[in-house]
Amino acid sequence: MSFAKHGLQVFEIPIEVLPQDIDDNDHVNNVVYLKWIFDVALAHWNVSAPDDMKATYGWVATRHEIDYRREALLGDPIVARTWIGTVDSRRFERLTEIVRTSDDHVLCRGRSIWTLLSRETGKIIRIPPEMVELFAAFMHAG
C-alpha cells in the first residue's frame, strides 16, 4: 500500500507481533524491529520492481540506524512504513517508521543505506538510471 506523507510517497505493510518477538522484558525485542525494517524494504522492492529487474539486481544493507521510541507488545496493531531518501550512483537511502496504529505512536524510526548488487557477479554496482526513475515517484511525489 502506498500513500503520501510530507510530500513523499510512502509504502506500508501490516505487522503482526508474534509470541517469539517478545523478549524477557515482555515487549518486542529490538532485533525484531530491524527484521521489520528489512521486511518492509523487501516488500517495497518486490511490489515496485519488474521481474527482470529483480532477476538482475539484489540489494545489500551497508548501514542501519534505529532510534527506539516506545515499546511494542503482543497484540499491538502495527504497520511498517518506508520511503526513499537520498539516492546517488552507489547508495540508496531508505527511511522507515514502525507505528502502532491504535494510537498512531511511532515505535521506532530507521535509516538504512543500501547498495545494489549484480546477481550475476555478486559485486556491488552503480545504480542504473532506470532504477532511479522507478523510485522517482516515491522520492518526489506530491
Protein backbone atom coordinates (compact mmCIF):
# COMPACT_ATOMS: atom_id res chain seq x y z
CA MET A 1 0.00 0.00 0.00
CA SER A 2 1.25 3.49 -0.82
CA PHE A 3 0.18 6.91 0.39
CA ALA A 4 1.59 10.44 0.62
CA LYS A 5 3.26 11.79 3.78
CA HIS A 6 5.07 15.10 3.91
CA GLY A 7 5.04 15.20 0.11
CA LEU A 8 6.68 11.77 -0.23
CA GLN A 9 5.15 8.51 -1.35
CA VAL A 10 5.16 6.02 1.50
CA PHE A 11 4.88 2.25 1.19
CA GLU A 12 3.28 0.38 4.09
CA ILE A 13 2.78 -3.21 5.27
CA PRO A 14 0.94 -4.53 8.33
CA ILE A 15 2.99 -6.25 11.01
CA GLU A 16 1.80 -8.98 13.35
CA VAL A 17 3.56 -9.16 16.69
CA LEU A 18 4.22 -12.86 17.29
CA PRO A 19 4.93 -14.56 20.65
CA GLN A 20 8.53 -15.25 19.54
CA ASP A 21 9.04 -11.47 19.03
CA ILE A 22 8.64 -10.86 22.76
CA ASP A 23 11.75 -10.78 24.96
CA ASP A 24 12.21 -11.31 28.70
CA ASN A 25 11.05 -7.72 29.32
CA ASP A 26 7.61 -8.63 27.89
CA HIS A 27 7.90 -6.40 24.83
CA VAL A 28 9.19 -6.73 21.29
CA ASN A 29 12.94 -7.30 21.19
CA ASN A 30 14.99 -4.58 19.48
CA VAL A 31 16.38 -7.07 16.95
CA VAL A 32 12.82 -7.71 15.72
CA TYR A 33 12.48 -4.05 14.71
CA LEU A 34 15.49 -4.50 12.42
CA LYS A 35 13.80 -7.51 10.84
CA TRP A 36 10.64 -5.46 10.26
CA ILE A 37 12.71 -2.70 8.64
CA PHE A 38 14.20 -5.30 6.32
CA ASP A 39 10.76 -6.86 5.65
CA VAL A 40 9.15 -3.59 4.56
CA ALA A 41 12.14 -2.70 2.35
CA LEU A 42 11.98 -6.10 0.64
CA ALA A 43 8.20 -5.88 0.21
CA HIS A 44 8.54 -2.41 -1.35
CA TRP A 45 11.19 -3.70 -3.78
CA ASN A 46 9.12 -6.76 -4.69
CA VAL A 47 5.97 -4.72 -5.36
CA SER A 48 7.75 -1.93 -7.26
CA ALA A 49 10.40 -3.61 -9.41
CA PRO A 50 9.57 -5.59 -12.54
CA ASP A 51 10.59 -9.26 -12.62
CA ASP A 52 13.53 -8.71 -14.98
CA MET A 53 14.97 -6.07 -12.65
CA LYS A 54 14.57 -8.35 -9.61
CA ALA A 55 16.29 -11.16 -11.56
CA THR A 56 19.22 -8.88 -12.46
CA TYR A 57 19.77 -6.97 -9.22
CA GLY A 58 19.83 -7.57 -5.49
CA TRP A 59 20.38 -5.30 -2.51
CA VAL A 60 22.67 -5.40 0.50
CA ALA A 61 22.34 -3.12 3.50
CA THR A 62 25.58 -1.41 4.47
CA ARG A 63 24.25 0.62 7.38
CA HIS A 64 21.26 0.68 9.72
CA GLU A 65 20.47 3.37 12.28
CA ILE A 66 17.48 2.81 14.55
CA ASP A 67 16.00 5.12 17.15
CA TYR A 68 13.76 3.22 19.54
CA ARG A 69 10.99 5.42 20.93
CA ARG A 70 8.32 3.19 22.50
CA GLU A 71 7.82 -0.46 23.24
CA ALA A 72 5.56 -2.78 21.27
CA LEU A 73 3.58 -5.52 22.99
CA LEU A 74 1.97 -8.76 21.93
CA GLY A 75 -1.30 -7.96 20.18
CA ASP A 76 -0.40 -4.37 19.24
CA PRO A 77 -1.64 -3.41 15.75
CA ILE A 78 1.47 -2.23 13.90
CA VAL A 79 2.46 -1.05 10.44
CA ALA A 80 5.90 -0.60 8.92
CA ARG A 81 6.19 2.43 6.63
CA THR A 82 9.08 3.17 4.32
CA TRP A 83 10.03 5.80 1.80
CA ILE A 84 13.07 6.72 -0.28
CA GLY A 85 15.58 9.31 0.86
CA THR A 86 18.74 10.31 -0.98
CA VAL A 87 19.89 8.26 -3.97
CA ASP A 88 23.26 8.60 -5.66
CA SER A 89 25.19 6.37 -8.04
CA ARG A 90 26.23 3.92 -5.30
CA ARG A 91 23.96 4.41 -2.28
CA PHE A 92 20.24 4.22 -1.75
CA GLU A 93 18.82 5.70 1.46
CA ARG A 94 15.62 4.22 2.83
CA LEU A 95 13.73 5.70 5.78
CA THR A 96 11.34 3.66 7.90
CA GLU A 97 8.88 4.12 10.73
CA ILE A 98 7.27 1.37 12.77
CA VAL A 99 3.93 2.71 14.03
CA ARG A 100 1.33 1.36 16.46
CA THR A 101 -1.94 2.12 14.67
CA SER A 102 -4.22 2.08 17.71
CA ASP A 103 -2.71 5.37 18.97
CA ASP A 104 -0.52 6.38 15.97
CA HIS A 105 2.61 6.35 18.14
CA VAL A 106 5.91 5.92 16.32
CA LEU A 107 7.66 2.97 17.98
CA CYS A 108 10.92 3.39 16.11
CA ARG A 109 12.48 5.26 13.22
CA GLY A 110 15.14 3.78 11.00
CA ARG A 111 17.54 4.95 8.34
CA SER A 112 19.23 2.36 6.15
CA ILE A 113 21.79 2.65 3.40
CA TRP A 114 21.60 0.02 0.67
CA THR A 115 23.92 -0.76 -2.22
CA LEU A 116 22.99 -2.57 -5.40
CA LEU A 117 24.44 -5.95 -6.35
CA SER A 118 24.68 -7.69 -9.68
CA ARG A 119 23.09 -11.12 -9.22
CA GLU A 120 25.39 -12.42 -11.97
CA THR A 121 28.67 -11.37 -10.34
CA GLY A 122 27.66 -10.78 -6.72
CA LYS A 123 29.54 -7.48 -6.84
CA ILE A 124 28.36 -4.00 -5.91
CA ILE A 125 27.44 -1.98 -8.99
CA ARG A 126 26.25 1.51 -9.86
CA ILE A 127 22.53 2.21 -9.54
CA PRO A 128 21.26 2.50 -13.13
CA PRO A 129 19.10 5.44 -14.23
CA GLU A 130 16.07 3.20 -14.84
CA MET A 131 16.11 2.17 -11.18
CA VAL A 132 16.28 5.77 -10.01
CA GLU A 133 13.33 6.50 -12.34
CA LEU A 134 11.40 3.55 -10.90
CA PHE A 135 11.57 5.03 -7.42
CA ALA A 136 11.36 8.68 -8.50
CA ALA A 137 7.61 8.67 -7.84
CA PHE A 138 8.33 7.56 -4.28
CA MET A 139 11.02 10.23 -3.90
CA HIS A 140 9.25 13.24 -5.41
CA ALA A 141 5.50 12.64 -5.46
CA GLY A 142 3.33 15.33 -4.02
